[in-house]
């Protein structure tokens, strides 16, 4: 037996060779002395590392000549590599044909492929069951790198099912040295888990060597760091959308098929963009209401956006339930300040409303001073009351008209007064201020729609919001409009 043959023929030795090189295709020279069936199997495994559809398809065709050999599992692995998950689902499970190492290896491949395909279509219970079965077979064969790969995939599944566990991925990555390609994949898995927990800074650090990648740009954008445009990758669309939200620019983000974290981010950001325009509130709600997002940060986005949609259009959703969903998602984040800063940046008006809702998470309410709020004759910002210039009370007019919904000439301050207010806001070096009147109007509409047992709670919240108005006379003028 040749030395090349002896070092590559067993599942364990091949597992080691395949996963300790950054140029797997060079292993093709070790295939010469193998049997034709084993050579075709290993050739397909090498082809899969190229991610080239033509190369993989040709290797699958070559494997078809060996239908009697245990090759079903490796064919399913190829289908997963090509994204043909429906094919994997449609393929009937085959029992373990024997306890020969290659038969067990192929059964491991089949279970691993099914686990990944089920994970991509969000059948979490079945996915984890198949992955754990594959892991057991891999351990029995001594496939140390396959065990590591499966554990990393289990970590990915936990992230997308809404239970991010970075420590699981870290443990798997640290078990054995990683090739460059596997290290890049692991860094992405870990970064996605961090992002799901609101740990945007940890994601940026993890992707330090890949800042120019699509996910690196996305993580940096969540923190507000400027990045160079990225032209390719799964996170290009959501990255484009989040930067447009930060800058108030238009953007194109057509719906993408499939179920993935990046697809959900794109949908959430489209909804936030729709909520820039009152007339599109119901469309934003339609996009989100049946969307089953699972990670903590995505669930917080969904709940907050639905609250805003109901604030600008009476859509009949249970606001108390949405507050509970938002709070629960926020509590599950191990770091919250990055998510909250992002929300303040893209929709400050939504943030002020959230901060004044009854029972809202204390970190939202306590961080309201981070925003400039027009409270009548002044703007409150960073724990300081900045009185507006002039004596014509233009700020009072703006707050009152926002509460009443009046739009006539009497609801607008004199143009010169309005300009002085804009200049005062600009002097604070903020993009704009939030008119407290819009928040008061939304709170009152919510109060009128809640069940009787919650009326007192909502009235108290409205009273607390009204206390932000800096003018006693204006507060008294607003009370009858608010039913207080």
Protein backbone atom coordinates (compact mmCIF):
# COMPACT_ATOMS: atom_id res chain seq x y z
CA UNK A 1 0.00 0.00 0.00
CA UNK A 2 1.42 3.41 -0.95
CA UNK A 3 2.14 6.02 1.67
CA UNK A 4 -0.27 8.45 0.01
CA UNK A 5 -2.98 5.82 0.10
CA UNK A 6 -2.43 4.95 3.74
CA UNK A 7 -2.54 8.56 4.89
CA UNK A 8 -5.78 9.43 3.09
CA UNK A 9 -7.91 6.33 2.91
CA UNK A 10 -9.47 6.17 6.38
CA UNK A 11 -12.21 8.64 7.35
CA UNK A 12 -10.14 9.96 10.29
CA UNK A 13 -6.96 10.50 8.27
CA UNK A 14 -8.87 12.20 5.46
CA UNK A 15 -10.72 14.40 7.96
CA UNK A 16 -7.35 15.55 9.29
CA UNK A 17 -5.87 16.21 5.84
CA UNK A 18 -8.92 18.06 4.55
CA UNK A 19 -9.11 20.39 7.53
CA UNK A 20 -5.48 21.26 8.12
CA UNK A 21 -4.76 22.82 4.75
CA UNK A 22 -5.80 26.14 3.23
CA UNK A 23 -5.51 24.67 -0.27
CA UNK A 24 -7.64 21.50 -0.11
CA UNK A 25 -7.67 21.09 -3.89
CA UNK A 26 -3.95 20.20 -3.75
CA UNK A 27 -4.95 16.98 -2.00
CA UNK A 28 -6.15 15.62 -5.35
CA UNK A 29 -2.70 14.09 -5.85
CA UNK A 30 -3.43 11.74 -2.95
CA UNK A 31 -6.44 10.21 -4.72
CA UNK A 32 -4.55 8.23 -7.36
CA UNK A 33 -4.11 4.98 -5.45
CA UNK A 34 -7.65 4.84 -4.06
CA UNK A 35 -10.41 2.59 -5.33
CA UNK A 36 -12.58 4.30 -7.94
CA UNK A 37 -15.56 4.69 -5.60
CA UNK A 38 -13.47 6.16 -2.79
CA UNK A 39 -11.63 8.40 -5.25
CA UNK A 40 -14.93 9.78 -6.55
CA UNK A 41 -16.12 10.37 -2.98
CA UNK A 42 -12.99 12.25 -1.96
CA UNK A 43 -12.96 14.20 -5.23
CA UNK A 44 -16.46 15.47 -4.48
CA UNK A 45 -15.39 16.53 -0.99
CA UNK A 46 -12.53 18.49 -2.51
CA UNK A 47 -14.86 20.03 -5.10
CA UNK A 48 -17.16 21.26 -2.33
CA UNK A 49 -14.36 23.34 -0.84
CA UNK A 50 -14.21 25.37 -4.07
CA UNK A 51 -17.88 26.48 -3.72
CA UNK A 52 -17.95 26.35 -7.53
CA UNK A 53 -21.30 24.99 -8.75
CA UNK A 54 -19.91 23.63 -12.02
CA UNK A 55 -17.03 21.84 -10.34
CA UNK A 56 -19.32 20.35 -7.69
CA UNK A 57 -21.95 19.25 -10.21
CA UNK A 58 -19.31 17.50 -12.31
CA UNK A 59 -17.98 15.68 -9.24
CA UNK A 60 -21.52 14.60 -8.33
CA UNK A 61 -22.00 13.25 -11.86
CA UNK A 62 -18.77 11.25 -11.54
CA UNK A 63 -20.02 9.83 -8.26
CA UNK A 64 -23.23 8.58 -9.90
CA UNK A 65 -21.24 5.70 -11.43
CA UNK A 66 -20.89 4.20 -7.93
CA UNK A 67 -24.49 3.82 -6.78
CA UNK A 68 -23.66 0.56 -4.99
CA UNK A 69 -21.15 2.30 -2.73
CA UNK A 70 -22.19 4.35 0.33
CA UNK A 71 -22.38 7.75 -1.37
CA UNK A 72 -25.86 9.05 -0.51
CA UNK A 73 -24.64 11.19 2.38
CA UNK A 74 -21.84 12.91 0.50
CA UNK A 75 -24.25 13.70 -2.34
CA UNK A 76 -26.57 15.37 0.19
CA UNK A 77 -23.61 17.36 1.52
CA UNK A 78 -23.02 18.60 -2.02
CA UNK A 79 -26.68 19.59 -2.31
CA UNK A 80 -26.39 21.64 0.90
CA UNK A 81 -23.23 23.33 -0.42
CA UNK A 82 -25.19 24.33 -3.53
CA UNK A 83 -28.15 25.55 -1.45
CA UNK A 84 -30.48 22.82 -2.71
CA UNK A 85 -32.23 22.33 0.62
CA UNK A 86 -35.50 21.14 -0.90
CA UNK A 87 -33.63 18.29 -2.56
CA UNK A 88 -32.24 17.22 0.80
CA UNK A 89 -35.71 17.33 2.38
CA UNK A 90 -37.17 15.29 -0.48
CA UNK A 91 -34.53 12.56 -0.28
CA UNK A 92 -35.66 9.58 1.74
CA UNK A 93 -33.55 8.73 4.77
CA UNK A 94 -31.56 5.53 4.34
CA UNK A 95 -30.67 3.21 7.22
CA UNK A 96 -27.03 2.58 8.07
CA UNK A 97 -26.02 -0.13 5.60
CA UNK A 98 -23.13 -1.56 7.64
CA UNK A 99 -20.60 -0.73 10.32
CA UNK A 100 -17.80 -0.39 7.81
CA UNK A 101 -16.03 2.97 8.38
CA UNK A 102 -16.98 4.39 4.98
CA UNK A 103 -20.62 3.43 5.48
CA UNK A 104 -20.64 5.13 8.90
CA UNK A 105 -18.88 8.17 7.42
CA UNK A 106 -21.56 8.45 4.74
CA UNK A 107 -24.32 8.13 7.35
CA UNK A 108 -22.60 10.93 9.25
CA UNK A 109 -22.57 13.02 6.04
CA UNK A 110 -26.28 12.36 5.51
CA UNK A 111 -27.24 13.36 9.05
CA UNK A 112 -25.02 16.44 8.90
CA UNK A 113 -26.54 17.49 5.57
CA UNK A 114 -30.09 16.99 6.86
CA UNK A 115 -29.29 18.92 10.01
CA UNK A 116 -27.96 21.88 8.03
CA UNK A 117 -30.85 21.82 5.53
CA UNK A 118 -33.44 21.65 8.31
CA UNK A 119 -31.68 24.53 10.05
CA UNK A 120 -31.84 26.65 6.91
CA UNK A 121 -35.61 26.09 6.73
CA UNK A 122 -36.08 26.75 10.47
CA UNK A 123 -37.10 23.26 11.61
CA UNK A 124 -34.98 23.65 14.70
CA UNK A 125 -35.89 20.53 16.69
CA UNK A 126 -35.30 18.19 13.78
CA UNK A 127 -32.16 20.08 12.79
CA UNK A 128 -30.54 19.70 16.21
CA UNK A 129 -31.56 16.03 16.39
CA UNK A 130 -29.83 15.30 13.09
CA UNK A 131 -26.75 17.32 14.00
CA UNK A 132 -26.37 15.53 17.32
CA UNK A 133 -26.74 12.16 15.56
CA UNK A 134 -24.07 13.20 13.05
CA UNK A 135 -21.84 14.29 15.92
CA UNK A 136 -22.13 10.90 17.59
CA UNK A 137 -21.14 9.11 14.38
CA UNK A 138 -18.23 11.49 13.84
CA UNK A 139 -16.96 10.84 17.35
CA UNK A 140 -17.21 7.08 16.82
CA UNK A 141 -15.01 7.39 13.72
CA UNK A 142 -12.51 9.73 15.32
CA UNK A 143 -13.41 12.59 12.97
CA UNK A 144 -12.16 15.32 15.31
CA UNK A 145 -12.51 18.14 12.77
CA UNK A 146 -15.97 17.00 11.72
CA UNK A 147 -17.03 17.08 15.39
CA UNK A 148 -15.67 20.62 15.61
CA UNK A 149 -17.53 21.59 12.42
CA UNK A 150 -20.80 20.14 13.71
CA UNK A 151 -20.46 21.92 17.05
CA UNK A 152 -19.92 25.22 15.24
CA UNK A 153 -23.03 24.54 13.12
CA UNK A 154 -25.01 23.78 16.28
CA UNK A 155 -23.89 27.19 17.56
CA UNK A 156 -25.14 28.80 14.35
CA UNK A 157 -28.52 27.08 14.71
CA UNK A 158 -28.84 28.33 18.28
CA UNK A 159 -28.24 31.89 17.03
CA UNK A 160 -30.86 31.82 14.29
CA UNK A 161 -33.41 30.13 16.54
CA UNK A 162 -33.09 33.07 18.93
CA UNK A 163 -30.83 31.51 21.56
CA UNK A 164 -27.38 32.92 20.70
CA UNK A 165 -24.64 31.18 22.65
CA UNK A 166 -21.26 32.64 21.64
CA UNK A 167 -19.49 30.57 24.30
CA UNK A 168 -20.57 27.38 22.50
CA UNK A 169 -18.97 28.61 19.27
CA UNK A 170 -15.84 29.83 21.08
CA UNK A 171 -15.43 26.44 22.73
CA UNK A 172 -15.80 24.62 19.40
CA UNK A 173 -13.36 26.96 17.63
CA UNK A 174 -10.78 26.47 20.35
CA UNK A 175 -10.89 22.68 20.33
CA UNK A 176 -8.55 22.28 17.32
CA UNK A 177 -6.48 24.62 15.15
CA UNK A 178 -8.60 26.12 12.37
CA UNK A 179 -7.58 26.48 8.76
CA UNK A 180 -7.93 30.01 7.39
CA UNK A 181 -11.20 29.23 5.58
CA UNK A 182 -12.69 27.59 8.68
CA UNK A 183 -11.48 30.45 10.87
CA UNK A 184 -13.23 33.00 8.63
CA UNK A 185 -16.43 30.99 8.82
CA UNK A 186 -16.15 30.67 12.60
CA UNK A 187 -15.52 34.40 13.01
CA UNK A 188 -18.71 35.11 11.07
CA UNK A 189 -20.74 32.68 13.19
CA UNK A 190 -19.43 34.26 16.37
CA UNK A 191 -20.04 37.80 15.11
CA UNK A 192 -23.65 36.96 14.23
CA UNK A 193 -24.17 35.56 17.73
CA UNK A 194 -22.73 38.74 19.26
CA UNK A 195 -24.94 40.94 17.08
CA UNK A 196 -28.02 38.96 18.10
CA UNK A 197 -27.16 39.75 21.73
CA UNK A 198 -26.66 43.45 21.00
CA UNK A 199 -22.89 43.13 21.39
CA UNK A 200 -22.10 45.06 18.24
CA UNK A 201 -18.68 46.12 19.51
CA UNK A 202 -17.68 42.49 20.18
CA UNK A 203 -18.75 41.61 16.62
CA UNK A 204 -16.56 44.36 15.19
CA UNK A 205 -13.59 43.17 17.25
CA UNK A 206 -14.17 39.54 16.22
CA UNK A 207 -14.21 40.58 12.57
CA UNK A 208 -11.13 42.75 12.98
CA UNK A 209 -9.33 40.96 10.18
CA UNK A 210 -12.42 41.03 7.96
CA UNK A 211 -13.60 44.64 8.30
CA UNK A 212 -13.94 44.92 4.54
CA UNK A 213 -16.32 41.97 4.40
CA UNK A 214 -20.10 42.32 4.11
CA UNK A 215 -20.67 41.27 7.74
CA UNK A 216 -17.78 43.45 8.91
CA UNK A 217 -19.40 46.45 7.23
CA UNK A 218 -22.77 45.57 8.74
CA UNK A 219 -21.40 45.30 12.28
CA UNK A 220 -19.50 48.57 11.89
CA UNK A 221 -22.61 50.26 10.53
CA UNK A 222 -24.63 49.17 13.55
CA UNK A 223 -22.13 51.08 15.68
CA UNK A 224 -22.17 54.08 13.34
CA UNK A 225 -18.59 53.56 12.18
CA UNK A 226 -17.89 54.61 8.61
CA UNK A 227 -16.85 51.79 6.28
CA UNK A 228 -15.92 51.41 2.64
CA UNK A 229 -18.74 50.18 0.38
CA UNK A 230 -18.92 46.40 0.01
CA UNK A 231 -20.14 45.06 -3.32
CA UNK A 232 -20.76 41.39 -2.55
CA UNK A 233 -22.04 39.23 0.29
CA UNK A 234 -25.23 38.32 2.10
CA UNK A 235 -25.20 41.45 4.27
CA UNK A 236 -24.80 44.03 1.50
CA UNK A 237 -28.52 44.89 1.33
CA UNK A 238 -29.11 45.31 5.08
CA UNK A 239 -25.87 47.30 5.37
CA UNK A 240 -27.01 49.66 2.60
CA UNK A 241 -30.37 50.02 4.32
CA UNK A 242 -29.01 50.77 7.77
CA UNK A 243 -26.72 53.49 6.44
CA UNK A 244 -29.61 55.04 4.55
CA UNK A 245 -31.65 55.02 7.76
CA UNK A 246 -28.82 56.69 9.64
CA UNK A 247 -28.44 59.43 7.02
CA UNK A 248 -32.11 59.83 6.07
CA UNK A 249 -31.40 58.90 2.47
CA UNK A 250 -33.56 56.83 0.09
CA UNK A 251 -32.44 53.30 -0.68
CA UNK A 252 -33.43 50.23 -2.63
CA UNK A 253 -33.78 46.95 -0.73
CA UNK A 254 -36.04 44.54 -2.62
CA UNK A 255 -37.39 41.55 -0.69
CA UNK A 256 -35.07 38.55 -0.86
CA UNK A 257 -36.24 34.92 -0.76
CA UNK A 258 -35.30 32.49 1.95
CA UNK A 259 -35.09 32.50 5.71
CA UNK A 260 -31.94 34.02 7.16
CA UNK A 261 -30.74 36.64 9.62
CA UNK A 262 -29.81 39.03 6.81
CA UNK A 263 -33.20 38.63 5.13
CA UNK A 264 -34.93 39.56 8.37
CA UNK A 265 -32.69 42.58 8.94
CA UNK A 266 -33.52 43.81 5.44
CA UNK A 267 -37.25 43.46 6.14
CA UNK A 268 -37.00 45.24 9.48
CA UNK A 269 -35.05 48.13 7.97
CA UNK A 270 -37.55 48.43 5.11
CA UNK A 271 -40.29 48.76 7.72
CA UNK A 272 -38.36 51.48 9.55
CA UNK A 273 -37.96 53.35 6.27
CA UNK A 274 -41.69 53.08 5.60
CA UNK A 275 -42.35 54.59 9.03
CA UNK A 276 -40.67 57.80 7.91
CA UNK A 277 -43.95 58.48 6.10
CA UNK A 278 -47.27 58.46 7.96
CA UNK A 279 -49.15 57.14 4.93
CA UNK A 280 -47.00 53.99 4.85
CA UNK A 281 -47.56 52.99 8.49
CA UNK A 282 -50.11 50.31 7.63
CA UNK A 283 -47.76 48.86 4.99
CA UNK A 284 -44.98 48.67 7.55
CA UNK A 285 -47.33 46.92 9.92
CA UNK A 286 -48.35 44.41 7.23
CA UNK A 287 -44.68 43.65 6.60
CA UNK A 288 -44.01 42.96 10.27
CA UNK A 289 -47.14 41.64 11.94
CA UNK A 290 -46.75 37.99 10.87
CA UNK A 291 -42.96 38.06 10.68
CA UNK A 292 -41.49 35.53 13.09
CA UNK A 293 -38.13 37.01 14.04
CA UNK A 294 -36.29 35.28 16.86
CA UNK A 295 -33.01 36.93 17.86
CA UNK A 296 -33.26 39.46 20.71
CA UNK A 297 -32.21 42.48 18.65
CA UNK A 298 -34.56 41.65 15.76
CA UNK A 299 -37.49 41.07 18.11
CA UNK A 300 -36.84 44.45 19.74
CA UNK A 301 -36.79 46.12 16.31
CA UNK A 302 -40.08 44.47 15.33
CA UNK A 303 -41.91 45.43 18.53
CA UNK A 304 -40.67 49.03 18.45
CA UNK A 305 -41.59 49.47 14.79
CA UNK A 306 -45.08 48.05 15.36
CA UNK A 307 -45.59 50.45 18.27
CA UNK A 308 -44.66 53.36 16.00
CA UNK A 309 -46.94 52.10 13.21
CA UNK A 310 -49.84 52.13 15.68
CA UNK A 311 -48.82 55.58 16.92
CA UNK A 312 -49.26 57.18 13.50
CA UNK A 313 -52.23 55.10 12.35
CA UNK A 314 -54.86 53.47 14.56
CA UNK A 315 -54.17 49.85 13.61
CA UNK A 316 -55.68 48.15 16.65
CA UNK A 317 -52.68 46.15 17.91
CA UNK A 318 -52.28 45.41 21.62
CA UNK A 319 -49.76 48.03 22.68
CA UNK A 320 -49.29 46.55 26.15
CA UNK A 321 -48.34 43.24 24.54
CA UNK A 322 -45.90 44.98 22.19
CA UNK A 323 -44.31 46.78 25.15
CA UNK A 324 -43.90 43.41 26.88
CA UNK A 325 -42.33 41.91 23.75
CA UNK A 326 -39.94 44.85 23.43
CA UNK A 327 -38.92 44.68 27.09
CA UNK A 328 -38.40 40.92 26.96
CA UNK A 329 -36.20 41.19 23.86
CA UNK A 330 -34.20 44.04 25.37
CA UNK A 331 -33.70 42.12 28.62
CA UNK A 332 -32.32 39.14 26.68
CA UNK A 333 -29.58 41.30 25.17
CA UNK A 334 -26.38 41.01 27.15
CA UNK A 335 -25.47 44.54 25.97
CA UNK A 336 -28.23 47.07 25.28
CA UNK A 337 -26.59 50.46 24.83
CA UNK A 338 -25.45 49.82 21.24
CA UNK A 339 -28.93 48.79 20.11
CA UNK A 340 -30.50 51.77 21.90
CA UNK A 341 -28.00 54.18 20.37
CA UNK A 342 -28.81 52.79 16.92
CA UNK A 343 -32.54 53.20 17.54
CA UNK A 344 -32.04 56.79 18.71
CA UNK A 345 -30.05 57.50 15.56
CA UNK A 346 -32.53 56.12 13.03
CA UNK A 347 -35.82 57.21 14.68
CA UNK A 348 -35.45 59.66 17.59
CA UNK A 349 -39.20 60.34 17.62
CA UNK A 350 -39.88 56.63 18.13
CA UNK A 351 -37.34 56.54 20.93
CA UNK A 352 -39.01 59.40 22.82
CA UNK A 353 -42.37 57.66 22.51
CA UNK A 354 -40.91 54.37 23.73
CA UNK A 355 -39.26 56.08 26.67
CA UNK A 356 -42.57 57.49 27.88
CA UNK A 357 -44.65 54.33 27.55
CA UNK A 358 -45.89 52.78 30.81
CA UNK A 359 -43.71 49.96 32.05
CA UNK A 360 -41.03 50.45 29.40
CA UNK A 361 -37.54 49.08 30.10
CA UNK A 362 -35.82 51.47 32.49
CA UNK A 363 -32.75 51.92 30.25
CA UNK A 364 -34.94 53.46 27.54
CA UNK A 365 -36.71 55.85 29.90
CA UNK A 366 -33.46 56.84 31.62
CA UNK A 367 -31.70 57.64 28.34
CA UNK A 368 -34.30 60.10 27.02
CA UNK A 369 -32.01 63.06 27.86
CA UNK A 370 -29.70 61.79 25.10
CA UNK A 371 -32.18 63.31 22.63
CA UNK A 372 -33.12 66.92 21.99
CA UNK A 373 -36.83 67.33 22.85
CA UNK A 374 -38.93 70.42 22.13
CA UNK A 375 -40.92 70.88 25.35
CA UNK A 376 -42.58 74.24 24.62
CA UNK A 377 -40.50 77.29 25.38
CA UNK A 378 -37.30 75.26 25.59
CA UNK A 379 -35.39 72.30 24.27
CA UNK A 380 -34.21 69.73 26.80
CA UNK A 381 -30.97 68.02 25.86
CA UNK A 382 -28.36 66.14 27.88
CA UNK A 383 -29.87 67.12 31.23
CA UNK A 384 -29.97 70.82 30.34
CA UNK A 385 -32.93 73.07 29.55
CA UNK A 386 -32.08 75.36 26.64
CA UNK A 387 -34.58 78.26 26.55
CA UNK A 388 -35.66 79.32 23.07
CA UNK A 389 -34.97 82.89 21.98
CA UNK A 390 -37.76 85.46 21.57
CA UNK A 391 -41.01 86.04 23.42
CA UNK A 392 -43.60 84.88 20.90
CA UNK A 393 -43.74 81.31 22.22
CA UNK A 394 -43.31 79.66 18.83
CA UNK A 395 -42.32 76.40 20.51
CA UNK A 396 -45.61 76.34 22.38
CA UNK A 397 -47.46 76.68 19.09
CA UNK A 398 -45.60 73.72 17.61
CA UNK A 399 -46.28 71.49 20.62
CA UNK A 400 -49.95 72.48 20.79
CA UNK A 401 -50.54 71.91 17.09
CA UNK A 402 -48.86 68.48 17.31
CA UNK A 403 -51.22 67.47 20.14
CA UNK A 404 -54.36 68.77 18.47
CA UNK A 405 -53.49 67.78 14.93
CA UNK A 406 -54.41 71.24 13.65
CA UNK A 407 -52.64 72.29 10.48
CA UNK A 408 -54.04 75.73 9.69
CA UNK A 409 -52.18 79.07 9.74
CA UNK A 410 -52.73 79.44 13.49
CA UNK A 411 -50.90 76.13 14.03
CA UNK A 412 -47.66 77.46 12.59
CA UNK A 413 -45.34 79.98 14.22
CA UNK A 414 -44.15 82.98 12.26
CA UNK A 415 -41.42 81.96 9.76
CA UNK A 416 -38.80 84.05 11.57
CA UNK A 417 -39.76 82.41 14.86
CA UNK A 418 -39.54 78.99 13.30
CA UNK A 419 -36.10 79.81 11.96
CA UNK A 420 -34.92 80.90 15.41
CA UNK A 421 -36.06 77.53 16.77
CA UNK A 422 -34.17 75.71 14.02
CA UNK A 423 -31.08 77.80 14.74
CA UNK A 424 -31.35 76.98 18.45
CA UNK A 425 -31.50 73.27 17.64
CA UNK A 426 -28.53 73.54 15.27
CA UNK A 427 -26.50 75.31 17.97
CA UNK A 428 -26.79 72.13 20.06
CA UNK A 429 -25.04 70.27 17.23
CA UNK A 430 -27.86 67.78 16.81
CA UNK A 431 -29.63 66.89 13.58
CA UNK A 432 -33.06 67.85 14.89
CA UNK A 433 -35.36 67.85 17.89
CA UNK A 434 -38.38 65.71 18.74
CA UNK A 435 -41.65 67.59 19.21
CA UNK A 436 -43.08 66.38 22.52
CA UNK A 437 -46.57 67.11 21.21
CA UNK A 438 -46.45 64.12 18.85
CA UNK A 439 -45.56 61.85 21.76
CA UNK A 440 -48.41 63.21 23.88
CA UNK A 441 -50.88 62.71 21.03
CA UNK A 442 -49.76 59.08 20.52
CA UNK A 443 -49.88 58.31 24.25
CA UNK A 444 -53.40 59.66 24.47
CA UNK A 445 -54.54 57.61 21.47
CA UNK A 446 -53.06 54.49 23.05
CA UNK A 447 -54.72 55.31 26.38
CA UNK A 448 -58.13 55.55 24.76
CA UNK A 449 -57.68 52.15 23.13
CA UNK A 450 -56.54 50.03 26.07
CA UNK A 451 -58.77 47.86 28.23
CA UNK A 452 -60.45 49.47 31.25
CA UNK A 453 -58.15 47.80 33.78
CA UNK A 454 -55.16 49.56 32.21
CA UNK A 455 -56.68 53.04 31.93
CA UNK A 456 -55.17 54.32 35.18
CA UNK A 457 -51.71 53.10 34.24
CA UNK A 458 -51.87 54.84 30.88
CA UNK A 459 -53.31 58.03 32.37
CA UNK A 460 -50.39 58.13 34.80
CA UNK A 461 -47.95 57.69 31.89
CA UNK A 462 -49.63 60.53 30.01
CA UNK A 463 -49.42 62.75 33.10
CA UNK A 464 -45.69 62.01 33.44
CA UNK A 465 -45.13 62.85 29.78
CA UNK A 466 -47.11 66.07 30.16
CA UNK A 467 -44.88 67.08 33.05
CA UNK A 468 -42.03 67.43 30.53
CA UNK A 469 -43.80 70.52 29.12
CA UNK A 470 -41.84 73.44 30.55
CA UNK A 471 -44.69 75.99 30.55
CA UNK A 472 -47.46 75.80 33.15
CA UNK A 473 -49.80 77.73 30.86
CA UNK A 474 -49.17 75.35 27.98
CA UNK A 475 -49.74 72.30 30.21
CA UNK A 476 -53.11 73.69 31.21
CA UNK A 477 -53.99 74.41 27.56
CA UNK A 478 -53.11 70.83 26.62
CA UNK A 479 -55.06 69.07 29.37
CA UNK A 480 -58.53 69.41 27.79
CA UNK A 481 -57.18 68.23 24.44
CA UNK A 482 -55.78 65.14 26.17
CA UNK A 483 -58.91 64.45 28.20
CA UNK A 484 -57.10 65.09 31.49
